[in-house]
C-alpha atoms as a PDB file:
ATOM      1  CA  UNK A   1     195.693 -54.150  26.795  1.00  0.00           C
ATOM      2  CA  UNK A   2     196.246 -52.367  29.638  1.00  0.00           C
ATOM      3  CA  UNK A   3     197.070 -53.306  33.680  1.00  0.00           C
ATOM      4  CA  UNK A   4     196.823 -51.616  36.942  1.00  0.00           C
ATOM      5  CA  UNK A   5     199.992 -52.513  38.711  1.00  0.00           C
ATOM      6  CA  UNK A   6     200.809 -51.517  42.351  1.00  0.00           C
ATOM      7  CA  UNK A   7     204.482 -49.954  42.300  1.00  0.00           C
ATOM      8  CA  UNK A   8     205.670 -48.411  45.906  1.00  0.00           C
ATOM      9  CA  UNK A   9     202.079 -48.141  47.232  1.00  0.00           C
ATOM     10  CA  UNK A  10     200.518 -46.399  44.318  1.00  0.00           C
ATOM     11  CA  UNK A  11     198.225 -47.719  41.718  1.00  0.00           C
ATOM     12  CA  UNK A  12     199.075 -46.970  38.161  1.00  0.00           C
ATOM     13  CA  UNK A  13     197.656 -47.793  34.977  1.00  0.00           C
ATOM     14  CA  UNK A  14     200.004 -49.259  32.197  1.00  0.00           C
ATOM     15  CA  UNK A  15     200.078 -49.993  28.624  1.00  0.00           C
ATOM     16  CA  UNK A  16     202.536 -51.895  26.651  1.00  0.00           C
ATOM     17  CA  UNK A  17     204.961 -49.342  24.595  1.00  0.00           C
ATOM     18  CA  UNK A  18     204.071 -46.404  27.258  1.00  0.00           C
ATOM     19  CA  UNK A  19     206.041 -44.091  29.351  1.00  0.00           C
ATOM     20  CA  UNK A  20     204.893 -43.467  32.947  1.00  0.00           C
ATOM     21  CA  UNK A  21     206.240 -41.944  35.964  1.00  0.00           C
ATOM     22  CA  UNK A  22     206.472 -43.654  39.445  1.00  0.00           C
ATOM     23  CA  UNK A  23     207.795 -42.861  42.767  1.00  0.00           C
ATOM     24  CA  UNK A  24     211.862 -43.201  42.729  1.00  0.00           C
ATOM     25  CA  UNK A  25     213.041 -46.633  42.379  1.00  0.00           C
ATOM     26  CA  UNK A  26     216.613 -47.951  43.493  1.00  0.00           C
ATOM     27  CA  UNK A  27     217.150 -49.405  39.727  1.00  0.00           C
ATOM     28  CA  UNK A  28     219.904 -47.673  37.838  1.00  0.00           C
ATOM     29  CA  UNK A  29     218.978 -46.220  34.490  1.00  0.00           C
ATOM     30  CA  UNK A  30     218.813 -48.769  31.485  1.00  0.00           C
ATOM     31  CA  UNK A  31     218.183 -51.742  34.076  1.00  0.00           C
ATOM     32  CA  UNK A  32     214.888 -53.949  33.728  1.00  0.00           C
ATOM     33  CA  UNK A  33     212.189 -53.955  36.320  1.00  0.00           C
ATOM     34  CA  UNK A  34     209.736 -56.622  36.980  1.00  0.00           C
ATOM     35  CA  UNK A  35     206.572 -55.643  38.962  1.00  0.00           C
ATOM     36  CA  UNK A  36     204.385 -58.881  40.255  1.00  0.00           C
ATOM     37  CA  UNK A  37     201.709 -56.778  42.188  1.00  0.00           C
ATOM     38  CA  UNK A  38     199.378 -56.397  39.205  1.00  0.00           C
ATOM     39  CA  UNK A  39     195.884 -55.993  40.265  1.00  0.00           C
ATOM     40  CA  UNK A  40     193.979 -55.672  37.264  1.00  0.00           C
ATOM     41  CA  UNK A  41     194.540 -56.722  33.565  1.00  0.00           C
ATOM     42  CA  UNK A  42     192.170 -55.968  30.472  1.00  0.00           C
ATOM     43  CA  UNK A  43     193.380 -57.695  27.167  1.00  0.00           C
ATOM     44  CA  UNK A  44     190.617 -56.507  24.629  1.00  0.00           C
ATOM     45  CA  UNK A  45     188.102 -59.645  25.452  1.00  0.00           C
ATOM     46  CA  UNK A  46     187.989 -59.939  28.980  1.00  0.00           C
ATOM     47  CA  UNK A  47     188.852 -58.360  32.394  1.00  0.00           C
ATOM     48  CA  UNK A  48     190.898 -60.307  35.222  1.00  0.00           C
ATOM     49  CA  UNK A  49     190.753 -59.208  38.429  1.00  0.00           C
ATOM     50  CA  UNK A  50     192.552 -60.273  41.501  1.00  0.00           C
ATOM     51  CA  UNK A  51     191.094 -60.779  45.051  1.00  0.00           C
ATOM     52  CA  UNK A  52     194.386 -58.849  46.125  1.00  0.00           C
ATOM     53  CA  UNK A  53     196.897 -59.764  43.149  1.00  0.00           C
ATOM     54  CA  UNK A  54     197.001 -61.746  40.209  1.00  0.00           C
ATOM     55  CA  UNK A  55     199.775 -64.090  40.607  1.00  0.00           C
ATOM     56  CA  UNK A  56     200.070 -65.465  37.036  1.00  0.00           C
ATOM     57  CA  UNK A  57     200.562 -61.954  35.332  1.00  0.00           C
ATOM     58  CA  UNK A  58     203.677 -59.651  35.586  1.00  0.00           C
ATOM     59  CA  UNK A  59     204.698 -56.303  34.188  1.00  0.00           C
ATOM     60  CA  UNK A  60     208.180 -55.903  32.534  1.00  0.00           C
ATOM     61  CA  UNK A  61     209.651 -52.247  32.172  1.00  0.00           C
ATOM     62  CA  UNK A  62     212.774 -50.708  31.533  1.00  0.00           C
ATOM     63  CA  UNK A  63     214.146 -47.729  33.709  1.00  0.00           C
ATOM     64  CA  UNK A  64     214.558 -44.707  31.493  1.00  0.00           C
ATOM     65  CA  UNK A  65     215.626 -41.723  33.781  1.00  0.00           C
ATOM     66  CA  UNK A  66     215.465 -40.486  37.140  1.00  0.00           C
ATOM     67  CA  UNK A  67     214.229 -36.623  37.406  1.00  0.00           C
ATOM     68  CA  UNK A  68     212.492 -34.366  39.911  1.00  0.00           C
ATOM     69  CA  UNK A  69     208.903 -33.148  39.660  1.00  0.00           C
ATOM     70  CA  UNK A  70     207.358 -29.622  39.859  1.00  0.00           C
ATOM     71  CA  UNK A  71     208.532 -27.410  42.606  1.00  0.00           C
ATOM     72  CA  UNK A  72     206.020 -27.427  45.701  1.00  0.00           C
ATOM     73  CA  UNK A  73     206.291 -24.257  47.672  1.00  0.00           C
ATOM     74  CA  UNK A  74     205.212 -24.394  51.105  1.00  0.00           C
ATOM     75  CA  UNK A  75     204.406 -20.780  52.491  1.00  0.00           C
ATOM     76  CA  UNK A  76     203.591 -20.444  56.462  1.00  0.00           C
ATOM     77  CA  UNK A  77     202.179 -17.392  57.838  1.00  0.00           C
ATOM     78  CA  UNK A  78     200.728 -16.060  61.467  1.00  0.00           C
ATOM     79  CA  UNK A  79     199.099 -12.590  60.855  1.00  0.00           C
ATOM     80  CA  UNK A  80     200.157  -9.542  62.975  1.00  0.00           C
ATOM     81  CA  UNK A  81     202.942 -11.806  64.285  1.00  0.00           C
ATOM     82  CA  UNK A  82     205.735 -11.067  61.860  1.00  0.00           C
ATOM     83  CA  UNK A  83     206.244 -15.064  61.378  1.00  0.00           C
ATOM     84  CA  UNK A  84     206.693 -15.876  57.736  1.00  0.00           C
ATOM     85  CA  UNK A  85     208.408 -19.088  56.310  1.00  0.00           C
ATOM     86  CA  UNK A  86     208.836 -19.966  52.726  1.00  0.00           C
ATOM     87  CA  UNK A  87     210.157 -23.529  51.806  1.00  0.00           C
ATOM     88  CA  UNK A  88     209.779 -25.808  49.018  1.00  0.00           C
ATOM     89  CA  UNK A  89     210.804 -29.240  47.774  1.00  0.00           C
ATOM     90  CA  UNK A  90     211.048 -31.227  44.684  1.00  0.00           C
ATOM     91  CA  UNK A  91     209.471 -34.846  44.762  1.00  0.00           C
ATOM     92  CA  UNK A  92     211.737 -37.141  42.822  1.00  0.00           C
ATOM     93  CA  UNK A  93     210.453 -39.663  40.378  1.00  0.00           C
ATOM     94  CA  UNK A  94     211.704 -42.224  37.738  1.00  0.00           C
ATOM     95  CA  UNK A  95     210.452 -42.725  34.102  1.00  0.00           C
ATOM     96  CA  UNK A  96     209.611 -46.249  33.034  1.00  0.00           C
ATOM     97  CA  UNK A  97     208.860 -47.463  29.746  1.00  0.00           C
ATOM     98  CA  UNK A  98     206.362 -50.500  29.588  1.00  0.00           C
ATOM     99  CA  UNK A  99     207.782 -53.244  27.539  1.00  0.00           C
ATOM    100  CA  UNK A 100     205.146 -56.137  27.947  1.00  0.00           C
ATOM    101  CA  UNK A 101     202.498 -57.441  30.123  1.00  0.00           C
ATOM    102  CA  UNK A 102     202.886 -61.263  30.364  1.00  0.00           C
ATOM    103  CA  UNK A 103     200.943 -63.983  31.589  1.00  0.00           C
ATOM    104  CA  UNK A 104     203.396 -66.665  33.422  1.00  0.00           C
END
């Protein structure tokens, strides 16, 4: 069984008892989160696809921890001008554990 869920404007494929990374969520570590915007559910026998979302399905997950992703280096240069700028950043993510995919 798996589902495709919309989390913070990203579509993520999730399955029960798996961990995945999402954009940073405001919830604290250890708290439970429910995602209502389920776009597709496949349960082994049939596939349910919503025109926009499936209102009768929901995904329950637990926030495991907040982490930062890999460093992205941004380097700008203009040749023969002596202009060089090196910057970087690390995107923040939230690791969640999918507990269950249920029908209301």
